Amino acid sequence: LEDPARPSAEDATSGPTAAAGGPAPSGLGYTGDTGPSPELGAFMRGLDVLVAECSLPDDQAIDTHLSPASLAALGAHAAPGRLVVTHVYPQLAALDPVARLRAAGWDGEAVRAEDGLELEVT
């Protein structure tokens, strides 16, 4: 989805990446299989809800997935009202991804996506 009021987002490791976001300062944004990217933070800035993948612990981080530290940095740049952690691999699931996100510096609202989770987006 393109919004002329938003900067474009490009994954630093694999070229153009699909990113969806509603009109700021409200709406919903979603990331998938992406690495850390300042452009992504700007693209998602000010959304009500940012649903973001966070696959692996920081000590197992790879370029094409966010880790708790890189998601905390994205959250700091994007400043969403709520951060929803999804696409969690077993290695991170066993370690409580939301707790790891907080330990990495995220102090905003955060929840882990689970089957049946319902969120209100204004």
PDB file of N, CA and C in Angstrom:
ATOM      1  N   LEU A   1       0.834  -1.168   0.000  1.00  0.00           N
ATOM      2  CA  LEU A   1       0.000   0.000   0.000  1.00  0.00           C
ATOM      3  C   LEU A   1       0.880   1.232   0.000  1.00  0.00           C
ATOM      4  N   GLU A   2       0.572   2.186  -0.796  1.00  0.00           N
ATOM      5  CA  GLU A   2       1.354   3.410  -0.820  1.00  0.00           C
ATOM      6  C   GLU A   2       0.549   4.555  -0.260  1.00  0.00           C
ATOM      7  N   ASP A   3       1.197   5.351   0.530  1.00  0.00           N
ATOM      8  CA  ASP A   3       0.615   6.565   1.075  1.00  0.00           C
ATOM      9  C   ASP A   3       1.599   7.671   0.753  1.00  0.00           C
ATOM     10  N   PRO A   4       1.241   8.637  -0.087  1.00  0.00           N
ATOM     11  CA  PRO A   4       2.191   9.670  -0.477  1.00  0.00           C
ATOM     12  C   PRO A   4       2.710  10.491   0.691  1.00  0.00           C
ATOM     13  N   ALA A   5       2.015  10.468   1.818  1.00  0.00           N
ATOM     14  CA  ALA A   5       2.470  11.215   2.983  1.00  0.00           C
ATOM     15  C   ALA A   5       3.522  10.451   3.784  1.00  0.00           C
ATOM     16  N   ARG A   6       3.746   9.176   3.453  1.00  0.00           N
ATOM     17  CA  ARG A   6       4.714   8.357   4.172  1.00  0.00           C
ATOM     18  C   ARG A   6       5.943   8.133   3.305  1.00  0.00           C
ATOM     19  N   PRO A   7       7.116   8.070   3.941  1.00  0.00           N
ATOM     20  CA  PRO A   7       8.306   7.684   3.183  1.00  0.00           C
ATOM     21  C   PRO A   7       8.185   6.230   2.748  1.00  0.00           C
ATOM     22  N   SER A   8       8.977   5.830   1.784  1.00  0.00           N
ATOM     23  CA  SER A   8       8.950   4.437   1.365  1.00  0.00           C
ATOM     24  C   SER A   8       9.785   3.607   2.329  1.00  0.00           C
ATOM     25  N   ALA A   9       9.527   2.315   2.333  1.00  0.00           N
ATOM     26  CA  ALA A   9      10.289   1.407   3.190  1.00  0.00           C
ATOM     27  C   ALA A   9      10.990   0.393   2.310  1.00  0.00           C
ATOM     28  N   GLU A  10      12.255   0.191   2.548  1.00  0.00           N
ATOM     29  CA  GLU A  10      13.023  -0.800   1.801  1.00  0.00           C
ATOM     30  C   GLU A  10      13.894  -1.560   2.774  1.00  0.00           C
ATOM     31  N   ASP A  11      13.868  -2.860   2.669  1.00  0.00           N
ATOM     32  CA  ASP A  11      14.692  -3.708   3.511  1.00  0.00           C
ATOM     33  C   ASP A  11      16.133  -3.567   3.066  1.00  0.00           C
ATOM     34  N   ALA A  12      17.013  -3.341   4.005  1.00  0.00           N
ATOM     35  CA  ALA A  12      18.419  -3.099   3.693  1.00  0.00           C
ATOM     36  C   ALA A  12      19.115  -4.327   3.141  1.00  0.00           C
ATOM     37  N   THR A  13      18.567  -5.521   3.370  1.00  0.00           N
ATOM     38  CA  THR A  13      19.281  -6.723   2.950  1.00  0.00           C
ATOM     39  C   THR A  13      18.705  -7.381   1.713  1.00  0.00           C
ATOM     40  N   SER A  14      17.423  -7.197   1.458  1.00  0.00           N
ATOM     41  CA  SER A  14      16.843  -7.935   0.341  1.00  0.00           C
ATOM     42  C   SER A  14      16.101  -7.062  -0.655  1.00  0.00           C
ATOM     43  N   GLY A  15      16.310  -5.762  -0.588  1.00  0.00           N
ATOM     44  CA  GLY A  15      15.662  -4.879  -1.549  1.00  0.00           C
ATOM     45  C   GLY A  15      14.271  -4.501  -1.105  1.00  0.00           C
ATOM     46  N   PRO A  16      13.411  -4.116  -2.049  1.00  0.00           N
ATOM     47  CA  PRO A  16      12.067  -3.657  -1.697  1.00  0.00           C
ATOM     48  C   PRO A  16      11.308  -4.710  -0.897  1.00  0.00           C
ATOM     49  N   THR A  17      10.639  -4.263   0.128  1.00  0.00           N
ATOM     50  CA  THR A  17       9.882  -5.131   1.009  1.00  0.00           C
ATOM     51  C   THR A  17       8.469  -4.615   1.103  1.00  0.00           C
ATOM     52  N   ALA A  18       7.516  -5.508   1.109  1.00  0.00           N
ATOM     53  CA  ALA A  18       6.129  -5.087   1.285  1.00  0.00           C
ATOM     54  C   ALA A  18       5.940  -4.624   2.715  1.00  0.00           C
ATOM     55  N   ALA A  19       5.374  -3.458   2.867  1.00  0.00           N
ATOM     56  CA  ALA A  19       5.044  -2.922   4.182  1.00  0.00           C
ATOM     57  C   ALA A  19       3.693  -2.268   4.050  1.00  0.00           C
ATOM     58  N   ALA A  20       2.857  -2.520   5.008  1.00  0.00           N
ATOM     59  CA  ALA A  20       1.517  -1.948   4.962  1.00  0.00           C
ATOM     60  C   ALA A  20       1.312  -1.078   6.176  1.00  0.00           C
ATOM     61  N   GLY A  21       0.720   0.064   5.954  1.00  0.00           N
ATOM     62  CA  GLY A  21       0.426   0.956   7.065  1.00  0.00           C
ATOM     63  C   GLY A  21      -0.738   1.856   6.702  1.00  0.00           C
ATOM     64  N   GLY A  22      -1.572   2.120   7.673  1.00  0.00           N
ATOM     65  CA  GLY A  22      -2.692   3.026   7.462  1.00  0.00           C
ATOM     66  C   GLY A  22      -2.223   4.459   7.598  1.00  0.00           C
ATOM     67  N   PRO A  23      -3.093   5.417   7.374  1.00  0.00           N
ATOM     68  CA  PRO A  23      -2.692   6.819   7.455  1.00  0.00           C
ATOM     69  C   PRO A  23      -2.317   7.219   8.877  1.00  0.00           C
ATOM     70  N   ALA A  24      -1.156   7.842   9.035  1.00  0.00           N
ATOM     71  CA  ALA A  24      -0.731   8.318  10.353  1.00  0.00           C
ATOM     72  C   ALA A  24      -1.559   9.543  10.697  1.00  0.00           C
ATOM     73  N   PRO A  25      -1.837   9.825  11.945  1.00  0.00           N
ATOM     74  CA  PRO A  25      -1.291   9.185  13.125  1.00  0.00           C
ATOM     75  C   PRO A  25      -2.169   8.072  13.676  1.00  0.00           C
ATOM     76  N   SER A  26      -2.983   7.445  12.891  1.00  0.00           N
ATOM     77  CA  SER A  26      -3.765   6.322  13.376  1.00  0.00           C
ATOM     78  C   SER A  26      -3.616   5.181  12.405  1.00  0.00           C
ATOM     79  N   GLY A  27      -4.164   4.047  12.750  1.00  0.00           N
ATOM     80  CA  GLY A  27      -4.139   2.927  11.834  1.00  0.00           C
ATOM     81  C   GLY A  27      -3.305   1.777  12.328  1.00  0.00           C
ATOM     82  N   LEU A  28      -3.077   0.850  11.421  1.00  0.00           N
ATOM     83  CA  LEU A  28      -2.404  -0.401  11.717  1.00  0.00           C
ATOM     84  C   LEU A  28      -1.272  -0.596  10.732  1.00  0.00           C
ATOM     85  N   GLY A  29      -0.121  -1.033  11.213  1.00  0.00           N
ATOM     86  CA  GLY A  29       1.002  -1.380  10.356  1.00  0.00           C
ATOM     87  C   GLY A  29       1.423  -2.808  10.626  1.00  0.00           C
ATOM     88  N   TYR A  30       1.997  -3.463   9.621  1.00  0.00           N
ATOM     89  CA  TYR A  30       2.402  -4.865   9.752  1.00  0.00           C
ATOM     90  C   TYR A  30       3.734  -5.069   9.059  1.00  0.00           C
ATOM     91  N   THR A  31       4.679  -5.702   9.754  1.00  0.00           N
ATOM     92  CA  THR A  31       5.944  -6.065   9.116  1.00  0.00           C
ATOM     93  C   THR A  31       5.999  -7.570   8.942  1.00  0.00           C
ATOM     94  N   GLY A  32       6.759  -8.000   7.986  1.00  0.00           N
ATOM     95  CA  GLY A  32       6.999  -9.419   7.787  1.00  0.00           C
ATOM     96  C   GLY A  32       8.424  -9.614   7.327  1.00  0.00           C
ATOM     97  N   ASP A  33       9.042 -10.666   7.789  1.00  0.00           N
ATOM     98  CA  ASP A  33      10.399 -11.052   7.403  1.00  0.00           C
ATOM     99  C   ASP A  33      11.252  -9.874   6.947  1.00  0.00           C
ATOM    100  N   THR A  34      11.612  -9.049   7.863  1.00  0.00           N
ATOM    101  CA  THR A  34      12.429  -7.886   7.549  1.00  0.00           C
ATOM    102  C   THR A  34      13.565  -7.783   8.549  1.00  0.00           C
ATOM    103  N   GLY A  35      14.602  -7.120   8.148  1.00  0.00           N
ATOM    104  CA  GLY A  35      15.685  -6.831   9.073  1.00  0.00           C
ATOM    105  C   GLY A  35      15.551  -5.412   9.576  1.00  0.00           C
ATOM    106  N   PRO A  36      16.461  -5.018  10.465  1.00  0.00           N
ATOM    107  CA  PRO A  36      16.437  -3.647  10.964  1.00  0.00           C
ATOM    108  C   PRO A  36      16.542  -2.643   9.820  1.00  0.00           C
ATOM    109  N   SER A  37      15.751  -1.562   9.909  1.00  0.00           N
ATOM    110  CA  SER A  37      15.722  -0.577   8.843  1.00  0.00           C
ATOM    111  C   SER A  37      15.189   0.749   9.372  1.00  0.00           C
ATOM    112  N   PRO A  38      15.998   1.823   9.340  1.00  0.00           N
ATOM    113  CA  PRO A  38      15.496   3.133   9.756  1.00  0.00           C
ATOM    114  C   PRO A  38      14.321   3.595   8.893  1.00  0.00           C
ATOM    115  N   GLU A  39      14.330   3.234   7.617  1.00  0.00           N
ATOM    116  CA  GLU A  39      13.236   3.621   6.721  1.00  0.00           C
ATOM    117  C   GLU A  39      11.914   3.005   7.174  1.00  0.00           C
ATOM    118  N   LEU A  40      11.967   1.790   7.690  1.00  0.00           N
ATOM    119  CA  LEU A  40      10.752   1.134   8.148  1.00  0.00           C
ATOM    120  C   LEU A  40      10.168   1.871   9.345  1.00  0.00           C
ATOM    121  N   GLY A  41      11.015   2.332  10.246  1.00  0.00           N
ATOM    122  CA  GLY A  41      10.544   3.104  11.395  1.00  0.00           C
ATOM    123  C   GLY A  41       9.844   4.378  10.959  1.00  0.00           C
ATOM    124  N   ALA A  42      10.405   5.065   9.977  1.00  0.00           N
ATOM    125  CA  ALA A  42       9.789   6.292   9.465  1.00  0.00           C
ATOM    126  C   ALA A  42       8.463   5.982   8.777  1.00  0.00           C
ATOM    127  N   PHE A  43       8.428   4.900   8.030  1.00  0.00           N
ATOM    128  CA  PHE A  43       7.217   4.506   7.309  1.00  0.00           C
ATOM    129  C   PHE A  43       6.075   4.187   8.275  1.00  0.00           C
ATOM    130  N   MET A  44       6.397   3.569   9.410  1.00  0.00           N
ATOM    131  CA  MET A  44       5.387   3.138  10.369  1.00  0.00           C
ATOM    132  C   MET A  44       5.135   4.170  11.472  1.00  0.00           C
ATOM    133  N   ARG A  45       5.732   5.312  11.397  1.00  0.00           N
ATOM    134  CA  ARG A  45       5.690   6.296  12.488  1.00  0.00           C
ATOM    135  C   ARG A  45       4.270   6.710  12.865  1.00  0.00           C
ATOM    136  N   GLY A  46       3.992   6.633  14.173  1.00  0.00           N
ATOM    137  CA  GLY A  46       2.770   7.177  14.733  1.00  0.00           C
ATOM    138  C   GLY A  46       1.512   6.346  14.598  1.00  0.00           C
ATOM    139  N   LEU A  47       1.639   5.086  14.218  1.00  0.00           N
ATOM    140  CA  LEU A  47       0.447   4.249  14.081  1.00  0.00           C
ATOM    141  C   LEU A  47      -0.121   3.881  15.442  1.00  0.00           C
ATOM    142  N   ASP A  48      -1.404   3.586  15.484  1.00  0.00           N
ATOM    143  CA  ASP A  48      -2.017   3.086  16.717  1.00  0.00           C
ATOM    144  C   ASP A  48      -1.427   1.731  17.086  1.00  0.00           C
ATOM    145  N   VAL A  49      -1.341   0.846  16.098  1.00  0.00           N
ATOM    146  CA  VAL A  49      -0.880  -0.522  16.345  1.00  0.00           C
ATOM    147  C   VAL A  49       0.150  -0.896  15.285  1.00  0.00           C
ATOM    148  N   LEU A  50       1.280  -1.422  15.736  1.00  0.00           N
ATOM    149  CA  LEU A  50       2.294  -1.977  14.837  1.00  0.00           C
ATOM    150  C   LEU A  50       2.444  -3.455  15.164  1.00  0.00           C
ATOM    151  N   VAL A  51       2.061  -4.307  14.227  1.00  0.00           N
ATOM    152  CA  VAL A  51       2.231  -5.748  14.348  1.00  0.00           C
ATOM    153  C   VAL A  51       3.557  -6.070  13.668  1.00  0.00           C
ATOM    154  N   ALA A  52       4.502  -6.601  14.442  1.00  0.00           N
ATOM    155  CA  ALA A  52       5.849  -6.791  13.907  1.00  0.00           C
ATOM    156  C   ALA A  52       6.400  -8.166  14.252  1.00  0.00           C
ATOM    157  N   GLU A  53       7.059  -8.754  13.272  1.00  0.00           N
ATOM    158  CA  GLU A  53       7.699 -10.036  13.513  1.00  0.00           C
ATOM    159  C   GLU A  53       8.911  -9.848  14.415  1.00  0.00           C
ATOM    160  N   CYS A  54       9.128 -10.842  15.256  1.00  0.00           N
ATOM    161  CA  CYS A  54      10.290 -10.859  16.143  1.00  0.00           C
ATOM    162  C   CYS A  54      10.619 -12.333  16.320  1.00  0.00           C
ATOM    163  N   SER A  55      11.518 -12.825  15.511  1.00  0.00           N
ATOM    164  CA  SER A  55      11.676 -14.263  15.369  1.00  0.00           C
ATOM    165  C   SER A  55      12.672 -14.921  16.305  1.00  0.00           C
ATOM    166  N   LEU A  56      13.805 -14.285  16.513  1.00  0.00           N
ATOM    167  CA  LEU A  56      14.905 -14.955  17.206  1.00  0.00           C
ATOM    168  C   LEU A  56      15.465 -14.119  18.343  1.00  0.00           C
ATOM    169  N   PRO A  57      16.070 -14.769  19.351  1.00  0.00           N
ATOM    170  CA  PRO A  57      16.764 -14.018  20.400  1.00  0.00           C
ATOM    171  C   PRO A  57      17.902 -13.198  19.801  1.00  0.00           C
ATOM    172  N   ASP A  58      18.303 -12.159  20.500  1.00  0.00           N
ATOM    173  CA  ASP A  58      19.361 -11.281  19.995  1.00  0.00           C
ATOM    174  C   ASP A  58      20.652 -12.020  19.668  1.00  0.00           C
ATOM    175  N   ASP A  59      20.996 -13.028  20.459  1.00  0.00           N
ATOM    176  CA  ASP A  59      22.254 -13.742  20.208  1.00  0.00           C
ATOM    177  C   ASP A  59      22.173 -14.692  19.014  1.00  0.00           C
ATOM    178  N   GLN A  60      20.987 -14.823  18.419  1.00  0.00           N
ATOM    179  CA  GLN A  60      20.816 -15.639  17.216  1.00  0.00           C
ATOM    180  C   GLN A  60      20.291 -14.807  16.045  1.00  0.00           C
ATOM    181  N   ALA A  61      20.343 -13.495  16.170  1.00  0.00           N
ATOM    182  CA  ALA A  61      19.765 -12.596  15.162  1.00  0.00           C
ATOM    183  C   ALA A  61      20.372 -12.823  13.783  1.00  0.00           C
ATOM    184  N   ILE A  62      19.533 -12.691  12.760  1.00  0.00           N
ATOM    185  CA  ILE A  62      19.955 -12.751  11.364  1.00  0.00           C
ATOM    186  C   ILE A  62      19.439 -11.505  10.657  1.00  0.00           C
ATOM    187  N   ASP A  63      19.963 -11.225   9.480  1.00  0.00           N
ATOM    188  CA  ASP A  63      19.644  -9.983   8.774  1.00  0.00           C
ATOM    189  C   ASP A  63      18.201  -9.866   8.304  1.00  0.00           C
ATOM    190  N   THR A  64      17.513 -10.984   8.155  1.00  0.00           N
ATOM    191  CA  THR A  64      16.178 -10.936   7.560  1.00  0.00           C
ATOM    192  C   THR A  64      15.043 -11.120   8.563  1.00  0.00           C
ATOM    193  N   HIS A  65      15.342 -11.027   9.848  1.00  0.00           N
ATOM    194  CA  HIS A  65      14.317 -11.099  10.886  1.00  0.00           C
ATOM    195  C   HIS A  65      14.658 -10.139  12.009  1.00  0.00           C
ATOM    196  N   LEU A  66      13.644  -9.611  12.656  1.00  0.00           N
ATOM    197  CA  LEU A  66      13.867  -8.760  13.804  1.00  0.00           C
ATOM    198  C   LEU A  66      14.082  -9.612  15.056  1.00  0.00           C
ATOM    199  N   SER A  67      14.869  -9.085  15.959  1.00  0.00           N
ATOM    200  CA  SER A  67      15.108  -9.680  17.267  1.00  0.00           C
ATOM    201  C   SER A  67      14.541  -8.701  18.308  1.00  0.00           C
ATOM    202  N   PRO A  68      14.512  -9.049  19.576  1.00  0.00           N
ATOM    203  CA  PRO A  68      13.997  -8.094  20.556  1.00  0.00           C
ATOM    204  C   PRO A  68      14.703  -6.737  20.522  1.00  0.00           C
ATOM    205  N   ALA A  69      16.017  -6.707  20.408  1.00  0.00           N
ATOM    206  CA  ALA A  69      16.736  -5.426  20.377  1.00  0.00           C
ATOM    207  C   ALA A  69      16.405  -4.628  19.125  1.00  0.00           C
ATOM    208  N   SER A  70      16.353  -5.284  17.968  1.00  0.00           N
ATOM    209  CA  SER A  70      16.064  -4.540  16.744  1.00  0.00           C
ATOM    210  C   SER A  70      14.590  -4.125  16.687  1.00  0.00           C
ATOM    211  N   LEU A  71      13.701  -4.917  17.289  1.00  0.00           N
ATOM    212  CA  LEU A  71      12.297  -4.506  17.354  1.00  0.00           C
ATOM    213  C   LEU A  71      12.123  -3.352  18.342  1.00  0.00           C
ATOM    214  N   ALA A  72      12.860  -3.357  19.439  1.00  0.00           N
ATOM    215  CA  ALA A  72      12.812  -2.226  20.376  1.00  0.00           C
ATOM    216  C   ALA A  72      13.280  -0.952  19.679  1.00  0.00           C
ATOM    217  N   ALA A  73      14.318  -1.064  18.852  1.00  0.00           N
ATOM    218  CA  ALA A  73      14.801   0.104  18.097  1.00  0.00           C
ATOM    219  C   ALA A  73      13.754   0.561  17.081  1.00  0.00           C
ATOM    220  N   LEU A  74      13.125  -0.381  16.393  1.00  0.00           N
ATOM    221  CA  LEU A  74      12.048  -0.025  15.461  1.00  0.00           C
ATOM    222  C   LEU A  74      10.917   0.671  16.213  1.00  0.00           C
ATOM    223  N   GLY A  75      10.554   0.137  17.363  1.00  0.00           N
ATOM    224  CA  GLY A  75       9.512   0.756  18.165  1.00  0.00           C
ATOM    225  C   GLY A  75       9.868   2.182  18.569  1.00  0.00           C
ATOM    226  N   ALA A  76      11.126   2.399  18.926  1.00  0.00           N
ATOM    227  CA  ALA A  76      11.563   3.748  19.304  1.00  0.00           C
ATOM    228  C   ALA A  76      11.427   4.717  18.136  1.00  0.00           C
ATOM    229  N   HIS A  77      11.738   4.266  16.917  1.00  0.00           N
ATOM    230  CA  HIS A  77      11.615   5.119  15.731  1.00  0.00           C
ATOM    231  C   HIS A  77      10.163   5.307  15.306  1.00  0.00           C
ATOM    232  N   ALA A  78       9.382   4.236  15.365  1.00  0.00           N
ATOM    233  CA  ALA A  78       8.009   4.281  14.868  1.00  0.00           C
ATOM    234  C   ALA A  78       7.039   4.871  15.895  1.00  0.00           C
ATOM    235  N   ALA A  79       7.340   4.702  17.167  1.00  0.00           N
ATOM    236  CA  ALA A  79       6.506   5.220  18.256  1.00  0.00           C
ATOM    237  C   ALA A  79       5.031   4.850  18.105  1.00  0.00           C
ATOM    238  N   PRO A  80       4.723   3.554  17.933  1.00  0.00           N
ATOM    239  CA  PRO A  80       3.314   3.169  17.839  1.00  0.00           C
ATOM    240  C   PRO A  80       2.645   3.248  19.203  1.00  0.00           C
ATOM    241  N   GLY A  81       1.331   3.318  19.193  1.00  0.00           N
ATOM    242  CA  GLY A  81       0.591   3.275  20.442  1.00  0.00           C
ATOM    243  C   GLY A  81       0.676   1.920  21.107  1.00  0.00           C
ATOM    244  N   ARG A  82       0.769   0.876  20.285  1.00  0.00           N
ATOM    245  CA  ARG A  82       0.840  -0.490  20.798  1.00  0.00           C
ATOM    246  C   ARG A  82       1.684  -1.319  19.845  1.00  0.00           C
ATOM    247  N   LEU A  83       2.517  -2.175  20.388  1.00  0.00           N
ATOM    248  CA  LEU A  83       3.377  -3.053  19.595  1.00  0.00           C
ATOM    249  C   LEU A  83       2.907  -4.487  19.823  1.00  0.00           C
ATOM    250  N   VAL A  84       2.601  -5.188  18.735  1.00  0.00           N
ATOM    251  CA  VAL A  84       2.150  -6.576  18.806  1.00  0.00           C
ATOM    252  C   VAL A  84       3.238  -7.440  18.197  1.00  0.00           C
ATOM    253  N   VAL A  85       3.767  -8.359  18.996  1.00  0.00           N
ATOM    254  CA  VAL A  85       4.887  -9.212  18.591  1.00  0.00           C
ATOM    255  C   VAL A  85       4.335 -10.492  17.978  1.00  0.00           C
ATOM    256  N   THR A  86       4.759 -10.784  16.752  1.00  0.00           N
ATOM    257  CA  THR A  86       4.279 -11.977  16.058  1.00  0.00           C
ATOM    258  C   THR A  86       5.442 -12.686  15.367  1.00  0.00           C
ATOM    259  N   HIS A  87       5.165 -13.837  14.747  1.00  0.00           N
ATOM    260  CA  HIS A  87       6.160 -14.615  13.982  1.00  0.00           C
ATOM    261  C   HIS A  87       7.342 -14.990  14.877  1.00  0.00           C
ATOM    262  N   VAL A  88       7.020 -15.474  16.078  1.00  0.00           N
ATOM    263  CA  VAL A  88       8.019 -15.822  17.082  1.00  0.00           C
ATOM    264  C   VAL A  88       8.433 -17.279  16.903  1.00  0.00           C
ATOM    265  N   TYR A  89       9.718 -17.505  16.703  1.00  0.00           N
ATOM    266  CA  TYR A  89      10.246 -18.866  16.566  1.00  0.00           C
ATOM    267  C   TYR A  89      10.370 -19.509  17.958  1.00  0.00           C
ATOM    268  N   PRO A  90      10.401 -20.830  18.028  1.00  0.00           N
ATOM    269  CA  PRO A  90      10.489 -21.518  19.330  1.00  0.00           C
ATOM    270  C   PRO A  90      11.682 -21.065  20.189  1.00  0.00           C
ATOM    271  N   GLN A  91      12.798 -20.745  19.556  1.00  0.00           N
ATOM    272  CA  GLN A  91      13.971 -20.321  20.322  1.00  0.00           C
ATOM    273  C   GLN A  91      13.676 -19.087  21.166  1.00  0.00           C
ATOM    274  N   LEU A  92      12.842 -18.183  20.651  1.00  0.00           N
ATOM    275  CA  LEU A  92      12.488 -16.967  21.379  1.00  0.00           C
ATOM    276  C   LEU A  92      11.237 -17.175  22.225  1.00  0.00           C
ATOM    277  N   ALA A  93      10.325 -17.981  21.754  1.00  0.00           N
ATOM    278  CA  ALA A  93       9.074 -18.210  22.489  1.00  0.00           C
ATOM    279  C   ALA A  93       9.348 -18.711  23.901  1.00  0.00           C
ATOM    280  N   ALA A  94      10.344 -19.547  24.051  1.00  0.00           N
ATOM    281  CA  ALA A  94      10.688 -20.103  25.363  1.00  0.00           C
ATOM    282  C   ALA A  94      11.268 -19.055  26.309  1.00  0.00           C
ATOM    283  N   LEU A  95      11.646 -17.897  25.786  1.00  0.00           N
ATOM    284  CA  LEU A  95      12.312 -16.864  26.580  1.00  0.00           C
ATOM    285  C   LEU A  95      11.414 -15.667  26.899  1.00  0.00           C
ATOM    286  N   ASP A  96      10.138 -15.716  26.552  1.00  0.00           N
ATOM    287  CA  ASP A  96       9.191 -14.613  26.753  1.00  0.00           C
ATOM    288  C   ASP A  96       9.596 -13.402  25.920  1.00  0.00           C
ATOM    289  N   PRO A  97       9.154 -13.348  24.666  1.00  0.00           N
ATOM    290  CA  PRO A  97       9.569 -12.270  23.767  1.00  0.00           C
ATOM    291  C   PRO A  97       9.215 -10.867  24.250  1.00  0.00           C
ATOM    292  N   VAL A  98       8.084 -10.700  24.911  1.00  0.00           N
ATOM    293  CA  VAL A  98       7.722  -9.361  25.387  1.00  0.00           C
ATOM    294  C   VAL A  98       8.672  -8.928  26.506  1.00  0.00           C
ATOM    295  N   ALA A  99       9.045  -9.843  27.385  1.00  0.00           N
ATOM    296  CA  ALA A  99      10.019  -9.509  28.436  1.00  0.00           C
ATOM    297  C   ALA A  99      11.368  -9.149  27.821  1.00  0.00           C
ATOM    298  N   ARG A 100      11.787  -9.877  26.792  1.00  0.00           N
ATOM    299  CA  ARG A 100      13.053  -9.568  26.110  1.00  0.00           C
ATOM    300  C   ARG A 100      12.980  -8.216  25.415  1.00  0.00           C
ATOM    301  N   LEU A 101      11.835  -7.897  24.838  1.00  0.00           N
ATOM    302  CA  LEU A 101      11.620  -6.604  24.187  1.00  0.00           C
ATOM    303  C   LEU A 101      11.757  -5.479  25.215  1.00  0.00           C
ATOM    304  N   ARG A 102      11.176  -5.657  26.377  1.00  0.00           N
ATOM    305  CA  ARG A 102      11.288  -4.657  27.441  1.00  0.00           C
ATOM    306  C   ARG A 102      12.728  -4.539  27.939  1.00  0.00           C
ATOM    307  N   ALA A 103      13.410  -5.658  28.094  1.00  0.00           N
ATOM    308  CA  ALA A 103      14.809  -5.634  28.527  1.00  0.00           C
ATOM    309  C   ALA A 103      15.691  -4.909  27.511  1.00  0.00           C
ATOM    310  N   ALA A 104      15.265  -4.917  26.244  1.00  0.00           N
ATOM    311  CA  ALA A 104      16.015  -4.240  25.179  1.00  0.00           C
ATOM    312  C   ALA A 104      15.681  -2.753  25.091  1.00  0.00           C
ATOM    313  N   GLY A 105      14.758  -2.274  25.948  1.00  0.00           N
ATOM    314  CA  GLY A 105      14.505  -0.850  25.996  1.00  0.00           C
ATOM    315  C   GLY A 105      13.124  -0.383  25.606  1.00  0.00           C
ATOM    316  N   TRP A 106      12.254  -1.275  25.133  1.00  0.00           N
ATOM    317  CA  TRP A 106      10.903  -0.845  24.759  1.00  0.00           C
ATOM    318  C   TRP A 106      10.091  -0.637  26.031  1.00  0.00           C
ATOM    319  N   ASP A 107       9.534   0.562  26.211  1.00  0.00           N
ATOM    320  CA  ASP A 107       8.754   0.831  27.412  1.00  0.00           C
ATOM    321  C   ASP A 107       7.297   1.163  27.100  1.00  0.00           C
ATOM    322  N   GLY A 108       6.892   0.989  25.868  1.00  0.00           N
ATOM    323  CA  GLY A 108       5.496   1.220  25.490  1.00  0.00           C
ATOM    324  C   GLY A 108       4.665  -0.033  25.679  1.00  0.00           C
ATOM    325  N   GLU A 109       3.413   0.059  25.280  1.00  0.00           N
ATOM    326  CA  GLU A 109       2.519  -1.093  25.383  1.00  0.00           C
ATOM    327  C   GLU A 109       2.961  -2.174  24.409  1.00  0.00           C
ATOM    328  N   ALA A 110       2.972  -3.419  24.863  1.00  0.00           N
ATOM    329  CA  ALA A 110       3.371  -4.540  24.008  1.00  0.00           C
ATOM    330  C   ALA A 110       2.611  -5.791  24.419  1.00  0.00           C
ATOM    331  N   VAL A 111       2.189  -6.555  23.419  1.00  0.00           N
ATOM    332  CA  VAL A 111       1.549  -7.844  23.651  1.00  0.00           C
ATOM    333  C   VAL A 111       2.080  -8.823  22.620  1.00  0.00           C
ATOM    334  N   ARG A 112       1.992 -10.088  22.946  1.00  0.00           N
ATOM    335  CA  ARG A 112       2.367 -11.120  21.980  1.00  0.00           C
ATOM    336  C   ARG A 112       1.113 -11.575  21.245  1.00  0.00           C
ATOM    337  N   ALA A 113       1.198 -11.641  19.935  1.00  0.00           N
ATOM    338  CA  ALA A 113       0.075 -12.118  19.130  1.00  0.00           C
ATOM    339  C   ALA A 113      -0.140 -13.606  19.396  1.00  0.00           C
ATOM    340  N   GLU A 114      -1.380 -13.968  19.577  1.00  0.00           N
ATOM    341  CA  GLU A 114      -1.761 -15.365  19.765  1.00  0.00           C
ATOM    342  C   GLU A 114      -3.053 -15.603  19.018  1.00  0.00           C
ATOM    343  N   ASP A 115      -3.323 -16.844  18.687  1.00  0.00           N
ATOM    344  CA  ASP A 115      -4.580 -17.174  18.021  1.00  0.00           C
ATOM    345  C   ASP A 115      -5.749 -16.613  18.818  1.00  0.00           C
ATOM    346  N   GLY A 116      -6.649 -15.936  18.126  1.00  0.00           N
ATOM    347  CA  GLY A 116      -7.837 -15.390  18.756  1.00  0.00           C
ATOM    348  C   GLY A 116      -7.668 -14.007  19.356  1.00  0.00           C
ATOM    349  N   LEU A 117      -6.456 -13.447  19.303  1.00  0.00           N
ATOM    350  CA  LEU A 117      -6.236 -12.105  19.852  1.00  0.00           C
ATOM    351  C   LEU A 117      -7.079 -11.104  19.076  1.00  0.00           C
ATOM    352  N   GLU A 118      -7.795 -10.263  19.790  1.00  0.00           N
ATOM    353  CA  GLU A 118      -8.594  -9.198  19.181  1.00  0.00           C
ATOM    354  C   GLU A 118      -8.076  -7.861  19.684  1.00  0.00           C
ATOM    355  N   LEU A 119      -7.876  -6.929  18.768  1.00  0.00           N
ATOM    356  CA  LEU A 119      -7.389  -5.603  19.103  1.00  0.00           C
ATOM    357  C   LEU A 119      -8.317  -4.566  18.488  1.00  0.00           C
ATOM    358  N   GLU A 120      -8.533  -3.504  19.197  1.00  0.00           N
ATOM    359  CA  GLU A 120      -9.322  -2.395  18.667  1.00  0.00           C
ATOM    360  C   GLU A 120      -8.354  -1.356  18.104  1.00  0.00           C
ATOM    361  N   VAL A 121      -8.598  -0.964  16.866  1.00  0.00           N
ATOM    362  CA  VAL A 121      -7.787   0.072  16.218  1.00  0.00           C
ATOM    363  C   VAL A 121      -8.713   1.240  15.955  1.00  0.00           C
ATOM    364  N   THR A 122      -8.327   2.402  16.463  1.00  0.00           N
ATOM    365  CA  THR A 122      -9.184   3.579  16.296  1.00  0.00           C
ATOM    366  C   THR A 122      -8.727   4.410  15.130  1.00  0.00           C
TER     367      THR A 122
END
